[in-house]
Amino acid sequence: MFRVAIISVSDRGSRGERADLSTDIIQDIMVENRYEISNKFLIPDEYHMIKELLIDICDNNIADLVLTTGGTGFSPRDVTPDATDAVTEKKVPGIPEAIRAYSMQITKKAMLSRATAGIRKQTLIINLPGSPKAVREALEFIVPELKHGLEVLSGKPQDCGALR
């Protein structure tokens, strides 16, 4: 069973001014798909705080997968993708590209997402949208493929050439 850390990035949420609905949605979807929730965090849109938390989770093997929610837009305070890019050793552009392509079928505003994904050590980090509706749509779209990627990342034997 793969371990998941969820990081909700929200100034208002971290101050208790807005409910953090997206974390609950992520948790429900991941548990339903047989992932273990190792940690949940609710932090403000602070570049260094996001960066340090991502480094801690990855370098201390706290989770196999980190899912962030929030901070992926155009606001000057939206720095989640920037912090993610700063800590990853390998970029994984296909995941956010797939999410945007899928989400564009629902709303053209999906093209405004700056979400990214990458690998640090043995941990995959994926930025998800902040809105509960968008986070559900995005995660339900990618979750069927995540286990294969995590198995390969963890070194578990795979038959990557198997017929689909």
N, C-alpha and C. Protein backbone atom coordinates (compact mmCIF):
# COMPACT_ATOMS: atom_id res chain seq x y z
N MET A 1 0.86 -1.18 0.00
CA MET A 1 0.00 0.00 0.00
C MET A 1 0.90 1.24 0.00
N PHE A 2 0.61 2.16 -0.90
CA PHE A 2 1.41 3.38 -1.00
C PHE A 2 0.89 4.44 -0.02
N ARG A 3 1.83 5.20 0.53
CA ARG A 3 1.52 6.24 1.50
C ARG A 3 1.41 7.59 0.80
N VAL A 4 0.39 8.35 1.20
CA VAL A 4 0.11 9.65 0.59
C VAL A 4 0.13 10.74 1.66
N ALA A 5 0.85 11.82 1.36
CA ALA A 5 0.77 13.03 2.19
C ALA A 5 -0.02 14.05 1.38
N ILE A 6 -0.94 14.73 2.04
CA ILE A 6 -1.77 15.75 1.40
C ILE A 6 -1.40 17.10 1.99
N ILE A 7 -1.08 18.03 1.10
CA ILE A 7 -0.76 19.39 1.53
C ILE A 7 -1.77 20.34 0.92
N SER A 8 -2.56 20.98 1.76
CA SER A 8 -3.49 22.01 1.30
C SER A 8 -2.81 23.36 1.51
N VAL A 9 -2.68 24.11 0.41
CA VAL A 9 -2.01 25.40 0.46
C VAL A 9 -3.06 26.49 0.32
N SER A 10 -3.31 27.20 1.41
CA SER A 10 -4.35 28.22 1.42
C SER A 10 -4.12 29.20 2.56
N ASP A 11 -3.98 30.47 2.22
CA ASP A 11 -3.84 31.48 3.27
C ASP A 11 -5.08 31.50 4.15
N ARG A 12 -6.25 31.62 3.53
CA ARG A 12 -7.50 31.71 4.30
C ARG A 12 -7.78 30.42 5.06
N GLY A 13 -7.52 29.28 4.44
CA GLY A 13 -7.73 28.01 5.12
C GLY A 13 -6.83 27.85 6.33
N SER A 14 -5.57 28.25 6.19
CA SER A 14 -4.63 28.11 7.31
C SER A 14 -4.96 29.04 8.47
N ARG A 15 -5.68 30.12 8.17
CA ARG A 15 -6.11 31.05 9.24
C ARG A 15 -7.49 30.68 9.80
N GLY A 16 -8.10 29.62 9.28
CA GLY A 16 -9.41 29.20 9.75
C GLY A 16 -10.55 30.01 9.20
N GLU A 17 -10.30 30.78 8.14
CA GLU A 17 -11.34 31.63 7.55
C GLU A 17 -12.15 30.92 6.47
N ARG A 18 -11.68 29.75 6.04
CA ARG A 18 -12.39 28.99 5.01
C ARG A 18 -12.18 27.51 5.28
N ALA A 19 -13.22 26.73 5.10
CA ALA A 19 -13.12 25.28 5.29
C ALA A 19 -12.24 24.67 4.20
N ASP A 20 -11.47 23.68 4.58
CA ASP A 20 -10.59 22.97 3.65
C ASP A 20 -11.32 21.73 3.13
N LEU A 21 -12.13 21.90 2.12
CA LEU A 21 -12.93 20.80 1.58
C LEU A 21 -12.12 19.89 0.65
N SER A 22 -11.13 20.44 -0.02
CA SER A 22 -10.37 19.67 -1.00
C SER A 22 -9.57 18.54 -0.36
N THR A 23 -9.02 18.77 0.82
CA THR A 23 -8.26 17.71 1.50
C THR A 23 -9.14 16.50 1.77
N ASP A 24 -10.36 16.72 2.23
CA ASP A 24 -11.28 15.61 2.49
C ASP A 24 -11.60 14.83 1.22
N ILE A 25 -11.76 15.54 0.11
CA ILE A 25 -12.04 14.88 -1.16
C ILE A 25 -10.84 14.03 -1.58
N ILE A 26 -9.65 14.59 -1.49
CA ILE A 26 -8.44 13.83 -1.83
C ILE A 26 -8.34 12.59 -0.95
N GLN A 27 -8.53 12.77 0.34
CA GLN A 27 -8.43 11.64 1.26
C GLN A 27 -9.44 10.55 0.90
N ASP A 28 -10.67 10.93 0.67
CA ASP A 28 -11.72 9.94 0.35
C ASP A 28 -11.36 9.16 -0.92
N ILE A 29 -10.92 9.86 -1.96
CA ILE A 29 -10.59 9.20 -3.22
C ILE A 29 -9.40 8.27 -3.05
N MET A 30 -8.39 8.72 -2.33
CA MET A 30 -7.19 7.90 -2.18
C MET A 30 -7.45 6.68 -1.30
N VAL A 31 -8.19 6.83 -0.22
CA VAL A 31 -8.52 5.68 0.63
C VAL A 31 -9.38 4.68 -0.15
N GLU A 32 -10.33 5.20 -0.91
CA GLU A 32 -11.18 4.34 -1.73
C GLU A 32 -10.34 3.53 -2.73
N ASN A 33 -9.20 4.08 -3.15
CA ASN A 33 -8.32 3.41 -4.10
C ASN A 33 -7.15 2.70 -3.42
N ARG A 34 -7.30 2.44 -2.13
CA ARG A 34 -6.38 1.64 -1.34
C ARG A 34 -5.00 2.29 -1.12
N TYR A 35 -5.00 3.57 -0.89
CA TYR A 35 -3.80 4.28 -0.49
C TYR A 35 -3.92 4.59 1.00
N GLU A 36 -2.79 4.67 1.67
CA GLU A 36 -2.77 5.03 3.09
C GLU A 36 -2.42 6.52 3.21
N ILE A 37 -3.20 7.24 3.99
CA ILE A 37 -2.92 8.66 4.22
C ILE A 37 -1.91 8.73 5.37
N SER A 38 -0.70 9.16 5.07
CA SER A 38 0.34 9.22 6.10
C SER A 38 0.30 10.54 6.87
N ASN A 39 -0.02 11.63 6.18
CA ASN A 39 -0.06 12.95 6.82
C ASN A 39 -0.96 13.89 6.05
N LYS A 40 -1.51 14.88 6.76
CA LYS A 40 -2.26 15.96 6.13
C LYS A 40 -1.76 17.27 6.73
N PHE A 41 -1.56 18.24 5.85
CA PHE A 41 -1.05 19.53 6.26
C PHE A 41 -1.92 20.63 5.67
N LEU A 42 -2.10 21.70 6.40
CA LEU A 42 -2.80 22.89 5.92
C LEU A 42 -1.88 24.07 6.22
N ILE A 43 -1.31 24.64 5.14
CA ILE A 43 -0.32 25.69 5.31
C ILE A 43 -0.65 26.89 4.44
N PRO A 44 -0.12 28.06 4.79
CA PRO A 44 -0.36 29.25 3.96
C PRO A 44 0.45 29.21 2.66
N ASP A 45 0.10 30.09 1.75
CA ASP A 45 0.80 30.23 0.48
C ASP A 45 2.14 30.91 0.71
N GLU A 46 3.05 30.21 1.30
CA GLU A 46 4.39 30.73 1.60
C GLU A 46 5.41 29.82 0.93
N TYR A 47 6.12 30.38 -0.05
CA TYR A 47 7.07 29.62 -0.86
C TYR A 47 8.02 28.77 -0.02
N HIS A 48 8.69 29.37 0.92
CA HIS A 48 9.69 28.64 1.70
C HIS A 48 9.06 27.57 2.58
N MET A 49 7.88 27.83 3.09
CA MET A 49 7.19 26.84 3.91
C MET A 49 6.80 25.62 3.07
N ILE A 50 6.27 25.86 1.88
CA ILE A 50 5.90 24.76 0.97
C ILE A 50 7.15 23.96 0.60
N LYS A 51 8.18 24.67 0.21
CA LYS A 51 9.42 24.03 -0.21
C LYS A 51 10.01 23.17 0.91
N GLU A 52 10.11 23.72 2.11
CA GLU A 52 10.69 22.98 3.24
C GLU A 52 9.86 21.76 3.60
N LEU A 53 8.53 21.88 3.53
CA LEU A 53 7.67 20.74 3.85
C LEU A 53 7.83 19.64 2.80
N LEU A 54 7.88 20.02 1.53
CA LEU A 54 8.09 19.02 0.47
C LEU A 54 9.42 18.30 0.65
N ILE A 55 10.47 19.04 0.94
CA ILE A 55 11.79 18.44 1.16
C ILE A 55 11.75 17.48 2.34
N ASP A 56 11.13 17.89 3.44
CA ASP A 56 11.04 17.04 4.63
C ASP A 56 10.31 15.74 4.32
N ILE A 57 9.18 15.82 3.67
CA ILE A 57 8.40 14.62 3.35
C ILE A 57 9.20 13.67 2.46
N CYS A 58 9.81 14.22 1.41
CA CYS A 58 10.54 13.38 0.45
C CYS A 58 11.84 12.83 1.03
N ASP A 59 12.63 13.68 1.65
CA ASP A 59 13.94 13.26 2.13
C ASP A 59 13.87 12.34 3.33
N ASN A 60 12.78 12.41 4.08
CA ASN A 60 12.61 11.54 5.25
C ASN A 60 11.66 10.38 4.99
N ASN A 61 11.36 10.15 3.70
CA ASN A 61 10.54 8.99 3.28
C ASN A 61 9.22 8.90 4.05
N ILE A 62 8.57 10.04 4.21
CA ILE A 62 7.30 10.09 4.93
C ILE A 62 6.14 9.61 4.06
N ALA A 63 6.28 9.79 2.74
CA ALA A 63 5.22 9.37 1.82
C ALA A 63 5.82 8.98 0.47
N ASP A 64 5.09 8.14 -0.25
CA ASP A 64 5.48 7.76 -1.60
C ASP A 64 4.92 8.74 -2.62
N LEU A 65 3.85 9.42 -2.23
CA LEU A 65 3.14 10.35 -3.09
C LEU A 65 2.73 11.56 -2.27
N VAL A 66 2.99 12.75 -2.81
CA VAL A 66 2.52 13.98 -2.17
C VAL A 66 1.54 14.63 -3.14
N LEU A 67 0.34 14.89 -2.65
CA LEU A 67 -0.67 15.59 -3.43
C LEU A 67 -0.90 16.95 -2.79
N THR A 68 -0.63 18.00 -3.56
CA THR A 68 -0.90 19.34 -3.06
C THR A 68 -2.21 19.81 -3.67
N THR A 69 -2.88 20.68 -2.96
CA THR A 69 -4.10 21.30 -3.49
C THR A 69 -4.03 22.79 -3.19
N GLY A 70 -4.25 23.58 -4.24
CA GLY A 70 -4.24 25.03 -4.08
C GLY A 70 -2.93 25.68 -4.49
N GLY A 71 -3.02 26.97 -4.76
CA GLY A 71 -1.84 27.76 -5.07
C GLY A 71 -1.27 27.57 -6.45
N THR A 72 -2.10 27.17 -7.42
CA THR A 72 -1.59 26.87 -8.77
C THR A 72 -2.02 27.89 -9.82
N GLY A 73 -2.63 28.97 -9.39
CA GLY A 73 -3.16 29.95 -10.34
C GLY A 73 -2.22 31.11 -10.59
N PHE A 74 -2.81 32.25 -10.95
CA PHE A 74 -2.06 33.44 -11.36
C PHE A 74 -1.84 34.45 -10.25
N SER A 75 -2.47 34.28 -9.11
CA SER A 75 -2.32 35.23 -8.02
C SER A 75 -0.85 35.34 -7.61
N PRO A 76 -0.41 36.52 -7.22
CA PRO A 76 0.97 36.65 -6.73
C PRO A 76 1.28 35.71 -5.57
N ARG A 77 0.27 35.31 -4.80
CA ARG A 77 0.46 34.40 -3.67
C ARG A 77 0.46 32.94 -4.09
N ASP A 78 0.10 32.62 -5.33
CA ASP A 78 0.07 31.23 -5.81
C ASP A 78 1.47 30.78 -6.19
N VAL A 79 2.13 30.08 -5.27
CA VAL A 79 3.53 29.70 -5.48
C VAL A 79 3.78 28.19 -5.35
N THR A 80 2.72 27.40 -5.27
CA THR A 80 2.90 25.96 -5.11
C THR A 80 3.72 25.34 -6.24
N PRO A 81 3.42 25.64 -7.51
CA PRO A 81 4.23 25.05 -8.58
C PRO A 81 5.69 25.50 -8.54
N ASP A 82 5.92 26.73 -8.15
CA ASP A 82 7.29 27.25 -8.08
C ASP A 82 8.09 26.50 -7.00
N ALA A 83 7.48 26.30 -5.84
CA ALA A 83 8.14 25.57 -4.76
C ALA A 83 8.35 24.11 -5.16
N THR A 84 7.37 23.53 -5.83
CA THR A 84 7.49 22.14 -6.28
C THR A 84 8.64 22.00 -7.27
N ASP A 85 8.69 22.87 -8.26
CA ASP A 85 9.77 22.81 -9.25
C ASP A 85 11.14 22.99 -8.60
N ALA A 86 11.21 23.79 -7.55
CA ALA A 86 12.49 24.05 -6.88
C ALA A 86 13.03 22.81 -6.17
N VAL A 87 12.16 21.89 -5.77
CA VAL A 87 12.62 20.73 -4.99
C VAL A 87 12.70 19.44 -5.81
N THR A 88 12.06 19.37 -6.95
CA THR A 88 12.06 18.11 -7.69
C THR A 88 13.35 17.91 -8.46
N GLU A 89 13.74 16.65 -8.57
CA GLU A 89 14.95 16.25 -9.29
C GLU A 89 14.64 15.84 -10.72
N LYS A 90 13.43 15.35 -10.93
CA LYS A 90 12.97 14.95 -12.26
C LYS A 90 11.57 15.53 -12.46
N LYS A 91 11.34 16.15 -13.58
CA LYS A 91 10.01 16.67 -13.90
C LYS A 91 9.16 15.54 -14.48
N VAL A 92 7.86 15.60 -14.22
CA VAL A 92 6.90 14.64 -14.76
C VAL A 92 5.79 15.45 -15.43
N PRO A 93 6.06 16.02 -16.59
CA PRO A 93 5.11 16.92 -17.23
C PRO A 93 3.82 16.26 -17.71
N GLY A 94 3.85 14.96 -17.96
CA GLY A 94 2.67 14.29 -18.50
C GLY A 94 1.46 14.34 -17.59
N ILE A 95 1.68 14.30 -16.28
CA ILE A 95 0.54 14.29 -15.35
C ILE A 95 -0.22 15.61 -15.39
N PRO A 96 0.42 16.76 -15.18
CA PRO A 96 -0.35 18.01 -15.26
C PRO A 96 -0.87 18.30 -16.67
N GLU A 97 -0.13 17.85 -17.69
CA GLU A 97 -0.62 18.02 -19.06
C GLU A 97 -1.92 17.24 -19.26
N ALA A 98 -1.95 16.01 -18.76
CA ALA A 98 -3.15 15.17 -18.88
C ALA A 98 -4.32 15.77 -18.11
N ILE A 99 -4.04 16.28 -16.92
CA ILE A 99 -5.10 16.90 -16.11
C ILE A 99 -5.66 18.12 -16.84
N ARG A 100 -4.78 18.96 -17.36
CA ARG A 100 -5.25 20.15 -18.08
C ARG A 100 -6.05 19.77 -19.32
N ALA A 101 -5.58 18.79 -20.08
CA ALA A 101 -6.29 18.37 -21.29
C ALA A 101 -7.69 17.84 -20.93
N TYR A 102 -7.76 17.04 -19.89
CA TYR A 102 -9.05 16.51 -19.46
C TYR A 102 -9.95 17.64 -18.95
N SER A 103 -9.39 18.49 -18.11
CA SER A 103 -10.17 19.58 -17.51
C SER A 103 -10.63 20.60 -18.54
N MET A 104 -9.89 20.76 -19.63
CA MET A 104 -10.29 21.69 -20.69
C MET A 104 -11.61 21.26 -21.33
N GLN A 105 -11.94 19.97 -21.25
CA GLN A 105 -13.22 19.49 -21.76
C GLN A 105 -14.37 19.95 -20.88
N ILE A 106 -14.07 20.33 -19.65
CA ILE A 106 -15.07 20.77 -18.68
C ILE A 106 -15.14 22.29 -18.63
N THR A 107 -13.95 22.92 -18.58
CA THR A 107 -13.88 24.39 -18.55
C THR A 107 -12.59 24.85 -19.22
N LYS A 108 -12.71 25.83 -20.06
CA LYS A 108 -11.52 26.36 -20.73
C LYS A 108 -10.59 27.07 -19.76
N LYS A 109 -11.08 27.41 -18.58
CA LYS A 109 -10.25 28.05 -17.56
C LYS A 109 -9.13 27.12 -17.08
N ALA A 110 -9.25 25.84 -17.37
CA ALA A 110 -8.20 24.89 -16.97
C ALA A 110 -6.85 25.25 -17.59
N MET A 111 -6.87 25.95 -18.72
CA MET A 111 -5.61 26.35 -19.35
C MET A 111 -4.83 27.34 -18.49
N LEU A 112 -5.45 27.90 -17.49
CA LEU A 112 -4.80 28.87 -16.62
C LEU A 112 -4.05 28.22 -15.45
N SER A 113 -4.13 26.91 -15.35
CA SER A 113 -3.44 26.21 -14.27
C SER A 113 -1.93 26.19 -14.53
N ARG A 114 -1.17 26.45 -13.47
CA ARG A 114 0.29 26.36 -13.54
C ARG A 114 0.79 25.10 -12.84
N ALA A 115 -0.10 24.18 -12.52
CA ALA A 115 0.26 22.97 -11.79
C ALA A 115 1.41 22.23 -12.46
N THR A 116 2.20 21.57 -11.63
CA THR A 116 3.34 20.80 -12.11
C THR A 116 3.41 19.48 -11.35
N ALA A 117 4.33 18.63 -11.74
CA ALA A 117 4.55 17.37 -11.04
C ALA A 117 6.02 17.00 -11.20
N GLY A 118 6.55 16.28 -10.23
CA GLY A 118 7.93 15.86 -10.31
C GLY A 118 8.28 14.84 -9.25
N ILE A 119 9.51 14.39 -9.31
CA ILE A 119 10.00 13.36 -8.40
C ILE A 119 11.17 13.92 -7.60
N ARG A 120 11.15 13.66 -6.31
CA ARG A 120 12.29 13.94 -5.44
C ARG A 120 12.56 12.66 -4.67
N LYS A 121 13.80 12.20 -4.75
CA LYS A 121 14.17 10.91 -4.13
C LYS A 121 13.24 9.83 -4.68
N GLN A 122 12.47 9.17 -3.82
CA GLN A 122 11.54 8.11 -4.24
C GLN A 122 10.09 8.57 -4.12
N THR A 123 9.86 9.88 -4.12
CA THR A 123 8.52 10.42 -3.89
C THR A 123 8.04 11.20 -5.10
N LEU A 124 6.83 10.93 -5.53
CA LEU A 124 6.17 11.66 -6.60
C LEU A 124 5.34 12.78 -5.98
N ILE A 125 5.49 14.00 -6.53
CA ILE A 125 4.74 15.16 -6.07
C ILE A 125 3.84 15.63 -7.21
N ILE A 126 2.57 15.82 -6.93
CA ILE A 126 1.62 16.28 -7.94
C ILE A 126 0.82 17.45 -7.38
N ASN A 127 0.81 18.55 -8.13
CA ASN A 127 -0.03 19.70 -7.76
C ASN A 127 -1.42 19.50 -8.34
N LEU A 128 -2.43 19.65 -7.50
CA LEU A 128 -3.82 19.57 -7.92
C LEU A 128 -4.47 20.95 -7.75
N PRO A 129 -5.60 21.17 -8.41
CA PRO A 129 -6.30 22.45 -8.24
C PRO A 129 -6.75 22.64 -6.79
N GLY A 130 -7.21 23.84 -6.49
CA GLY A 130 -7.68 24.14 -5.14
C GLY A 130 -9.17 23.95 -4.97
N SER A 131 -9.93 24.12 -6.03
CA SER A 131 -11.39 24.02 -5.91
C SER A 131 -11.79 22.56 -5.69
N PRO A 132 -12.74 22.31 -4.77
CA PRO A 132 -13.16 20.94 -4.51
C PRO A 132 -13.65 20.21 -5.77
N LYS A 133 -14.43 20.89 -6.60
CA LYS A 133 -14.94 20.26 -7.82
C LYS A 133 -13.80 19.90 -8.76
N ALA A 134 -12.86 20.82 -8.97
CA ALA A 134 -11.74 20.59 -9.87
C ALA A 134 -10.78 19.53 -9.34
N VAL A 135 -10.56 19.52 -8.03
CA VAL A 135 -9.65 18.53 -7.46
C VAL A 135 -10.24 17.13 -7.61
N ARG A 136 -11.55 16.98 -7.43
CA ARG A 136 -12.19 15.68 -7.61
C ARG A 136 -12.06 15.20 -9.05
N GLU A 137 -12.38 16.08 -10.00
CA GLU A 137 -12.31 15.72 -11.42
C GLU A 137 -10.89 15.32 -11.80
N ALA A 138 -9.91 16.10 -11.39
CA ALA A 138 -8.52 15.83 -11.75
C ALA A 138 -8.02 14.53 -11.14
N LEU A 139 -8.27 14.35 -9.85
CA LEU A 139 -7.75 13.17 -9.17
C LEU A 139 -8.44 11.89 -9.65
N GLU A 140 -9.74 11.94 -9.85
CA GLU A 140 -10.43 10.75 -10.36
C GLU A 140 -9.93 10.37 -11.76
N PHE A 141 -9.49 11.36 -12.52
CA PHE A 141 -8.97 11.10 -13.85
C PHE A 141 -7.60 10.42 -13.81
N ILE A 142 -6.72 10.85 -12.91
CA ILE A 142 -5.34 10.31 -12.90
C ILE A 142 -5.12 9.13 -11.98
N VAL A 143 -5.98 8.95 -10.99
CA VAL A 143 -5.71 7.93 -9.96
C VAL A 143 -5.57 6.51 -10.52
N PRO A 144 -6.28 6.11 -11.59
CA PRO A 144 -6.09 4.74 -12.08
C PRO A 144 -4.66 4.45 -12.57
N GLU A 145 -3.94 5.46 -13.00
CA GLU A 145 -2.59 5.25 -13.54
C GLU A 145 -1.49 5.44 -12.50
N LEU A 146 -1.80 6.02 -11.37
CA LEU A 146 -0.76 6.36 -10.40
C LEU A 146 -0.03 5.15 -9.83
N LYS A 147 -0.74 4.06 -9.55
CA LYS A 147 -0.10 2.90 -8.93
C LYS A 147 1.05 2.37 -9.78
N HIS A 148 0.85 2.31 -11.09
CA HIS A 148 1.92 1.82 -11.96
C HIS A 148 3.16 2.71 -11.84
N GLY A 149 2.97 4.00 -11.91
CA GLY A 149 4.09 4.92 -11.78
C GLY A 149 4.80 4.78 -10.45
N LEU A 150 4.03 4.65 -9.38
CA LEU A 150 4.63 4.51 -8.05
C LEU A 150 5.34 3.17 -7.89
N GLU A 151 4.81 2.12 -8.50
CA GLU A 151 5.49 0.82 -8.47
C GLU A 151 6.84 0.90 -9.17
N VAL A 152 6.87 1.53 -10.33
CA VAL A 152 8.14 1.69 -11.06
C VAL A 152 9.11 2.54 -10.24
N LEU A 153 8.64 3.64 -9.68
CA LEU A 153 9.48 4.53 -8.89
C LEU A 153 10.06 3.82 -7.68
N SER A 154 9.29 2.95 -7.06
CA SER A 154 9.73 2.25 -5.87
C SER A 154 10.62 1.05 -6.19
N GLY A 155 10.78 0.73 -7.48
CA GLY A 155 11.63 -0.39 -7.86
C GLY A 155 10.95 -1.74 -7.83
N LYS A 156 9.64 -1.75 -7.67
CA LYS A 156 8.93 -3.03 -7.69
C LYS A 156 8.90 -3.56 -9.12
N PRO A 157 9.09 -4.86 -9.29
CA PRO A 157 9.13 -5.42 -10.64
C PRO A 157 7.83 -5.17 -11.39
N GLN A 158 7.98 -4.77 -12.65
CA GLN A 158 6.82 -4.46 -13.49
C GLN A 158 7.02 -5.06 -14.85
N ASP A 159 5.92 -5.37 -15.49
CA ASP A 159 5.97 -5.77 -16.90
C ASP A 159 5.42 -4.59 -17.69
N CYS A 160 6.30 -3.61 -17.95
CA CYS A 160 5.88 -2.39 -18.63
C CYS A 160 5.44 -2.65 -20.06
N GLY A 161 5.82 -3.78 -20.63
CA GLY A 161 5.46 -4.07 -22.02
C GLY A 161 4.19 -4.90 -22.14
N ALA A 162 3.52 -5.15 -21.02
CA ALA A 162 2.31 -5.98 -21.05
C ALA A 162 1.22 -5.30 -21.91
N LEU A 163 0.42 -6.13 -22.54
CA LEU A 163 -0.68 -5.61 -23.33
C LEU A 163 -1.70 -4.91 -22.44
N ARG A 164 -2.31 -3.89 -23.00
CA ARG A 164 -3.27 -3.12 -22.21
C ARG A 164 -4.67 -3.60 -22.46
